[in-house]
């Protein structure tokens, strides 16, 4: 079974599932202990995933702009 590196998956615009599941599992444990901390934690996880995906879209758009001017 071929394995993908995080960089390869990142270029496809996908967030690695195993990392995503581990982050959410930890968040659920935080919910059991402290609800305020879990809200902040899930907000940070969402920001991380958004940054991971939108960074790639921004790079792609810059490349399109540069190529269009060429």
PDB file of N, CA and C in Angstrom:
ATOM      1  N   UNK A   1       0.841  -1.178   0.000  1.00  0.00           N
ATOM      2  CA  UNK A   1       0.000   0.000   0.000  1.00  0.00           C
ATOM      3  C   UNK A   1       0.888   1.244   0.000  1.00  0.00           C
ATOM      4  N   UNK A   2       0.707   2.128  -0.966  1.00  0.00           N
ATOM      5  CA  UNK A   2       1.556   3.317  -1.010  1.00  0.00           C
ATOM      6  C   UNK A   2       1.202   4.290   0.112  1.00  0.00           C
ATOM      7  N   UNK A   3       2.212   4.908   0.653  1.00  0.00           N
ATOM      8  CA  UNK A   3       1.958   5.889   1.712  1.00  0.00           C
ATOM      9  C   UNK A   3       2.280   7.281   1.199  1.00  0.00           C
ATOM     10  N   UNK A   4       1.525   8.242   1.658  1.00  0.00           N
ATOM     11  CA  UNK A   4       1.707   9.620   1.242  1.00  0.00           C
ATOM     12  C   UNK A   4       2.403  10.397   2.351  1.00  0.00           C
ATOM     13  N   UNK A   5       3.286  11.283   1.951  1.00  0.00           N
ATOM     14  CA  UNK A   5       3.917  12.169   2.919  1.00  0.00           C
ATOM     15  C   UNK A   5       2.958  13.319   3.206  1.00  0.00           C
ATOM     16  N   UNK A   6       3.143  13.959   4.354  1.00  0.00           N
ATOM     17  CA  UNK A   6       2.271  15.086   4.714  1.00  0.00           C
ATOM     18  C   UNK A   6       2.373  16.170   3.658  1.00  0.00           C
ATOM     19  N   UNK A   7       3.559  16.414   3.142  1.00  0.00           N
ATOM     20  CA  UNK A   7       3.742  17.448   2.101  1.00  0.00           C
ATOM     21  C   UNK A   7       2.930  17.095   0.862  1.00  0.00           C
ATOM     22  N   UNK A   8       2.962  15.839   0.419  1.00  0.00           N
ATOM     23  CA  UNK A   8       2.203  15.425  -0.766  1.00  0.00           C
ATOM     24  C   UNK A   8       0.709  15.627  -0.551  1.00  0.00           C
ATOM     25  N   UNK A   9       0.231  15.250   0.611  1.00  0.00           N
ATOM     26  CA  UNK A   9      -1.186  15.409   0.911  1.00  0.00           C
ATOM     27  C   UNK A   9      -1.532  16.884   0.990  1.00  0.00           C
ATOM     28  N   UNK A  10      -0.621  17.685   1.531  1.00  0.00           N
ATOM     29  CA  UNK A  10      -0.843  19.118   1.622  1.00  0.00           C
ATOM     30  C   UNK A  10      -1.007  19.752   0.264  1.00  0.00           C
ATOM     31  N   UNK A  11      -0.251  19.286  -0.710  1.00  0.00           N
ATOM     32  CA  UNK A  11      -0.374  19.847  -2.042  1.00  0.00           C
ATOM     33  C   UNK A  11      -1.698  19.463  -2.697  1.00  0.00           C
ATOM     34  N   UNK A  12      -2.320  18.425  -2.210  1.00  0.00           N
ATOM     35  CA  UNK A  12      -3.647  18.057  -2.701  1.00  0.00           C
ATOM     36  C   UNK A  12      -4.743  18.854  -1.989  1.00  0.00           C
ATOM     37  N   UNK A  13      -4.366  19.593  -0.953  1.00  0.00           N
ATOM     38  CA  UNK A  13      -5.339  20.391  -0.215  1.00  0.00           C
ATOM     39  C   UNK A  13      -6.094  19.604   0.832  1.00  0.00           C
ATOM     40  N   UNK A  14      -5.540  18.479   1.262  1.00  0.00           N
ATOM     41  CA  UNK A  14      -6.198  17.641   2.270  1.00  0.00           C
ATOM     42  C   UNK A  14      -5.418  17.687   3.573  1.00  0.00           C
ATOM     43  N   UNK A  15      -6.092  17.598   4.670  1.00  0.00           N
ATOM     44  CA  UNK A  15      -5.445  17.544   5.972  1.00  0.00           C
ATOM     45  C   UNK A  15      -5.323  16.074   6.358  1.00  0.00           C
ATOM     46  N   UNK A  16      -4.151  15.615   6.818  1.00  0.00           N
ATOM     47  CA  UNK A  16      -3.978  14.195   7.159  1.00  0.00           C
ATOM     48  C   UNK A  16      -5.000  13.709   8.182  1.00  0.00           C
ATOM     49  N   UNK A  17      -5.711  12.634   7.824  1.00  0.00           N
ATOM     50  CA  UNK A  17      -6.815  12.137   8.654  1.00  0.00           C
ATOM     51  C   UNK A  17      -6.377  11.672  10.036  1.00  0.00           C
ATOM     52  N   UNK A  18      -5.249  11.001  10.120  1.00  0.00           N
ATOM     53  CA  UNK A  18      -4.816  10.481  11.424  1.00  0.00           C
ATOM     54  C   UNK A  18      -4.517  11.625  12.390  1.00  0.00           C
ATOM     55  N   UNK A  19      -3.916  12.688  11.890  1.00  0.00           N
ATOM     56  CA  UNK A  19      -3.635  13.841  12.745  1.00  0.00           C
ATOM     57  C   UNK A  19      -4.950  14.502  13.146  1.00  0.00           C
ATOM     58  N   UNK A  20      -5.858  14.632  12.192  1.00  0.00           N
ATOM     59  CA  UNK A  20      -7.168  15.236  12.440  1.00  0.00           C
ATOM     60  C   UNK A  20      -7.918  14.449  13.526  1.00  0.00           C
ATOM     61  N   UNK A  21      -7.916  13.130  13.440  1.00  0.00           N
ATOM     62  CA  UNK A  21      -8.609  12.304  14.433  1.00  0.00           C
ATOM     63  C   UNK A  21      -7.954  12.426  15.807  1.00  0.00           C
ATOM     64  N   UNK A  22      -6.628  12.473  15.837  1.00  0.00           N
ATOM     65  CA  UNK A  22      -5.931  12.610  17.122  1.00  0.00           C
ATOM     66  C   UNK A  22      -6.248  13.957  17.772  1.00  0.00           C
ATOM     67  N   UNK A  23      -6.305  15.019  16.963  1.00  0.00           N
ATOM     68  CA  UNK A  23      -6.629  16.344  17.498  1.00  0.00           C
ATOM     69  C   UNK A  23      -8.049  16.372  18.064  1.00  0.00           C
ATOM     70  N   UNK A  24      -8.993  15.751  17.375  1.00  0.00           N
ATOM     71  CA  UNK A  24     -10.372  15.743  17.854  1.00  0.00           C
ATOM     72  C   UNK A  24     -10.567  14.815  19.052  1.00  0.00           C
ATOM     73  N   UNK A  25      -9.830  13.741  19.101  1.00  0.00           N
ATOM     74  CA  UNK A  25      -9.912  12.857  20.261  1.00  0.00           C
ATOM     75  C   UNK A  25      -9.444  13.596  21.517  1.00  0.00           C
ATOM     76  N   UNK A  26      -8.354  14.337  21.374  1.00  0.00           N
ATOM     77  CA  UNK A  26      -7.854  15.128  22.500  1.00  0.00           C
ATOM     78  C   UNK A  26      -8.874  16.207  22.883  1.00  0.00           C
ATOM     79  N   UNK A  27      -9.508  16.816  21.899  1.00  0.00           N
ATOM     80  CA  UNK A  27     -10.525  17.833  22.163  1.00  0.00           C
ATOM     81  C   UNK A  27     -11.709  17.278  22.931  1.00  0.00           C
ATOM     82  N   UNK A  28     -12.119  16.059  22.592  1.00  0.00           N
ATOM     83  CA  UNK A  28     -13.224  15.429  23.323  1.00  0.00           C
ATOM     84  C   UNK A  28     -12.831  15.146  24.776  1.00  0.00           C
ATOM     85  N   UNK A  29     -11.558  14.785  24.995  1.00  0.00           N
ATOM     86  CA  UNK A  29     -11.097  14.581  26.367  1.00  0.00           C
ATOM     87  C   UNK A  29     -11.110  15.895  27.137  1.00  0.00           C
ATOM     88  N   UNK A  30     -10.740  16.981  26.459  1.00  0.00           N
ATOM     89  CA  UNK A  30     -10.788  18.298  27.096  1.00  0.00           C
ATOM     90  C   UNK A  30     -12.213  18.679  27.465  1.00  0.00           C
ATOM     91  N   UNK A  31     -13.170  18.326  26.606  1.00  0.00           N
ATOM     92  CA  UNK A  31     -14.578  18.626  26.894  1.00  0.00           C
ATOM     93  C   UNK A  31     -15.038  17.982  28.197  1.00  0.00           C
ATOM     94  N   UNK A  32     -14.574  16.774  28.426  1.00  0.00           N
ATOM     95  CA  UNK A  32     -14.967  16.092  29.662  1.00  0.00           C
ATOM     96  C   UNK A  32     -14.425  16.821  30.886  1.00  0.00           C
ATOM     97  N   UNK A  33     -13.232  17.396  30.753  1.00  0.00           N
ATOM     98  CA  UNK A  33     -12.581  18.030  31.895  1.00  0.00           C
ATOM     99  C   UNK A  33     -12.982  19.495  32.046  1.00  0.00           C
ATOM    100  N   UNK A  34     -12.941  20.243  30.927  1.00  0.00           N
ATOM    101  CA  UNK A  34     -13.158  21.690  31.003  1.00  0.00           C
ATOM    102  C   UNK A  34     -13.764  22.185  29.690  1.00  0.00           C
ATOM    103  N   UNK A  35     -14.993  22.661  29.727  1.00  0.00           N
ATOM    104  CA  UNK A  35     -15.669  23.079  28.493  1.00  0.00           C
ATOM    105  C   UNK A  35     -15.072  24.337  27.881  1.00  0.00           C
ATOM    106  N   UNK A  36     -14.647  25.280  28.676  1.00  0.00           N
ATOM    107  CA  UNK A  36     -14.086  26.518  28.136  1.00  0.00           C
ATOM    108  C   UNK A  36     -12.813  26.234  27.355  1.00  0.00           C
ATOM    109  N   UNK A  37     -11.956  25.409  27.894  1.00  0.00           N
ATOM    110  CA  UNK A  37     -10.704  25.088  27.218  1.00  0.00           C
ATOM    111  C   UNK A  37     -10.973  24.322  25.925  1.00  0.00           C
ATOM    112  N   UNK A  38     -11.988  23.480  25.912  1.00  0.00           N
ATOM    113  CA  UNK A  38     -12.282  22.710  24.704  1.00  0.00           C
ATOM    114  C   UNK A  38     -12.782  23.616  23.584  1.00  0.00           C
ATOM    115  N   UNK A  39     -13.565  24.636  23.922  1.00  0.00           N
ATOM    116  CA  UNK A  39     -14.041  25.580  22.901  1.00  0.00           C
ATOM    117  C   UNK A  39     -12.851  26.292  22.257  1.00  0.00           C
ATOM    118  N   UNK A  40     -11.939  26.784  23.078  1.00  0.00           N
ATOM    119  CA  UNK A  40     -10.741  27.451  22.556  1.00  0.00           C
ATOM    120  C   UNK A  40      -9.893  26.482  21.739  1.00  0.00           C
ATOM    121  N   UNK A  41      -9.791  25.263  22.216  1.00  0.00           N
ATOM    122  CA  UNK A  41      -8.986  24.256  21.521  1.00  0.00           C
ATOM    123  C   UNK A  41      -9.559  23.966  20.132  1.00  0.00           C
ATOM    124  N   UNK A  42     -10.877  23.739  20.037  1.00  0.00           N
ATOM    125  CA  UNK A  42     -11.483  23.435  18.743  1.00  0.00           C
ATOM    126  C   UNK A  42     -11.386  24.629  17.789  1.00  0.00           C
ATOM    127  N   UNK A  43     -11.439  25.828  18.328  1.00  0.00           N
ATOM    128  CA  UNK A  43     -11.272  27.015  17.502  1.00  0.00           C
ATOM    129  C   UNK A  43      -9.855  27.048  16.912  1.00  0.00           C
ATOM    130  N   UNK A  44      -8.864  26.711  17.722  1.00  0.00           N
ATOM    131  CA  UNK A  44      -7.485  26.671  17.241  1.00  0.00           C
ATOM    132  C   UNK A  44      -7.274  25.568  16.196  1.00  0.00           C
ATOM    133  N   UNK A  45      -7.904  24.415  16.410  1.00  0.00           N
ATOM    134  CA  UNK A  45      -7.800  23.321  15.434  1.00  0.00           C
ATOM    135  C   UNK A  45      -8.421  23.739  14.103  1.00  0.00           C
ATOM    136  N   UNK A  46      -9.580  24.390  14.162  1.00  0.00           N
ATOM    137  CA  UNK A  46     -10.210  24.881  12.929  1.00  0.00           C
ATOM    138  C   UNK A  46      -9.316  25.890  12.215  1.00  0.00           C
ATOM    139  N   UNK A  47      -8.681  26.782  12.980  1.00  0.00           N
ATOM    140  CA  UNK A  47      -7.763  27.753  12.375  1.00  0.00           C
ATOM    141  C   UNK A  47      -6.570  27.063  11.722  1.00  0.00           C
ATOM    142  N   UNK A  48      -6.070  26.006  12.360  1.00  0.00           N
ATOM    143  CA  UNK A  48      -4.946  25.260  11.800  1.00  0.00           C
ATOM    144  C   UNK A  48      -5.312  24.610  10.474  1.00  0.00           C
ATOM    145  N   UNK A  49      -6.454  23.975  10.427  1.00  0.00           N
ATOM    146  CA  UNK A  49      -6.898  23.307   9.204  1.00  0.00           C
ATOM    147  C   UNK A  49      -7.171  24.326   8.106  1.00  0.00           C
ATOM    148  N   UNK A  50      -7.793  25.434   8.463  1.00  0.00           N
ATOM    149  CA  UNK A  50      -8.061  26.489   7.488  1.00  0.00           C
ATOM    150  C   UNK A  50      -6.765  27.046   6.922  1.00  0.00           C
ATOM    151  N   UNK A  51      -5.786  27.299   7.783  1.00  0.00           N
ATOM    152  CA  UNK A  51      -4.500  27.819   7.318  1.00  0.00           C
ATOM    153  C   UNK A  51      -3.805  26.810   6.412  1.00  0.00           C
ATOM    154  N   UNK A  52      -3.893  25.544   6.750  1.00  0.00           N
ATOM    155  CA  UNK A  52      -3.252  24.490   5.960  1.00  0.00           C
ATOM    156  C   UNK A  52      -3.821  24.456   4.544  1.00  0.00           C
ATOM    157  N   UNK A  53      -5.134  24.583   4.423  1.00  0.00           N
ATOM    158  CA  UNK A  53      -5.787  24.500   3.119  1.00  0.00           C
ATOM    159  C   UNK A  53      -5.657  25.811   2.343  1.00  0.00           C
ATOM    160  N   UNK A  54      -5.915  26.948   2.992  1.00  0.00           N
ATOM    161  CA  UNK A  54      -5.904  28.220   2.277  1.00  0.00           C
ATOM    162  C   UNK A  54      -4.509  28.668   1.865  1.00  0.00           C
ATOM    163  N   UNK A  55      -3.481  28.215   2.596  1.00  0.00           N
ATOM    164  CA  UNK A  55      -2.115  28.536   2.195  1.00  0.00           C
ATOM    165  C   UNK A  55      -1.845  27.979   0.808  1.00  0.00           C
ATOM    166  N   UNK A  56      -2.295  26.778   0.566  1.00  0.00           N
ATOM    167  CA  UNK A  56      -2.084  26.142  -0.731  1.00  0.00           C
ATOM    168  C   UNK A  56      -2.875  26.839  -1.825  1.00  0.00           C
ATOM    169  N   UNK A  57      -4.091  27.258  -1.501  1.00  0.00           N
ATOM    170  CA  UNK A  57      -4.891  27.973  -2.483  1.00  0.00           C
ATOM    171  C   UNK A  57      -4.264  29.325  -2.825  1.00  0.00           C
ATOM    172  N   UNK A  58      -3.694  29.985  -1.827  1.00  0.00           N
ATOM    173  CA  UNK A  58      -3.037  31.271  -2.061  1.00  0.00           C
ATOM    174  C   UNK A  58      -1.821  31.101  -2.952  1.00  0.00           C
ATOM    175  N   UNK A  59      -1.016  30.085  -2.683  1.00  0.00           N
ATOM    176  CA  UNK A  59       0.159  29.832  -3.516  1.00  0.00           C
ATOM    177  C   UNK A  59      -0.273  29.533  -4.952  1.00  0.00           C
ATOM    178  N   UNK A  60      -1.312  28.743  -5.113  1.00  0.00           N
ATOM    179  CA  UNK A  60      -1.795  28.411  -6.445  1.00  0.00           C
ATOM    180  C   UNK A  60      -2.265  29.668  -7.176  1.00  0.00           C
ATOM    181  N   UNK A  61      -2.958  30.553  -6.488  1.00  0.00           N
ATOM    182  CA  UNK A  61      -3.445  31.790  -7.108  1.00  0.00           C
ATOM    183  C   UNK A  61      -2.275  32.689  -7.518  1.00  0.00           C
ATOM    184  N   UNK A  62      -1.255  32.788  -6.686  1.00  0.00           N
ATOM    185  CA  UNK A  62      -0.067  33.591  -7.018  1.00  0.00           C
ATOM    186  C   UNK A  62       0.616  33.032  -8.258  1.00  0.00           C
ATOM    187  N   UNK A  63       0.728  31.722  -8.345  1.00  0.00           N
ATOM    188  CA  UNK A  63       1.348  31.113  -9.523  1.00  0.00           C
ATOM    189  C   UNK A  63       0.523  31.421 -10.776  1.00  0.00           C
ATOM    190  N   UNK A  64      -0.787  31.349 -10.681  1.00  0.00           N
ATOM    191  CA  UNK A  64      -1.649  31.678 -11.822  1.00  0.00           C
ATOM    192  C   UNK A  64      -1.468  33.128 -12.250  1.00  0.00           C
ATOM    193  N   UNK A  65      -1.385  34.031 -11.281  1.00  0.00           N
ATOM    194  CA  UNK A  65      -1.199  35.453 -11.597  1.00  0.00           C
ATOM    195  C   UNK A  65       0.144  35.672 -12.281  1.00  0.00           C
ATOM    196  N   UNK A  66       1.177  35.046 -11.756  1.00  0.00           N
ATOM    197  CA  UNK A  66       2.518  35.212 -12.347  1.00  0.00           C
ATOM    198  C   UNK A  66       2.570  34.645 -13.764  1.00  0.00           C
ATOM    199  N   UNK A  67       1.948  33.501 -13.958  1.00  0.00           N
ATOM    200  CA  UNK A  67       1.953  32.890 -15.290  1.00  0.00           C
ATOM    201  C   UNK A  67       1.118  33.693 -16.286  1.00  0.00           C
ATOM    202  N   UNK A  68       0.057  34.315 -15.801  1.00  0.00           N
ATOM    203  CA  UNK A  68      -0.798  35.109 -16.684  1.00  0.00           C
ATOM    204  C   UNK A  68      -0.074  36.353 -17.179  1.00  0.00           C
ATOM    205  N   UNK A  69       0.844  36.861 -16.377  1.00  0.00           N
ATOM    206  CA  UNK A  69       1.584  38.061 -16.776  1.00  0.00           C
ATOM    207  C   UNK A  69       2.744  37.740 -17.705  1.00  0.00           C
ATOM    208  N   UNK A  70       3.084  36.492 -17.803  1.00  0.00           N
ATOM    209  CA  UNK A  70       4.246  36.087 -18.587  1.00  0.00           C
ATOM    210  C   UNK A  70       3.973  36.110 -20.003  1.00  0.00           C
TER     211      UNK A  70
END
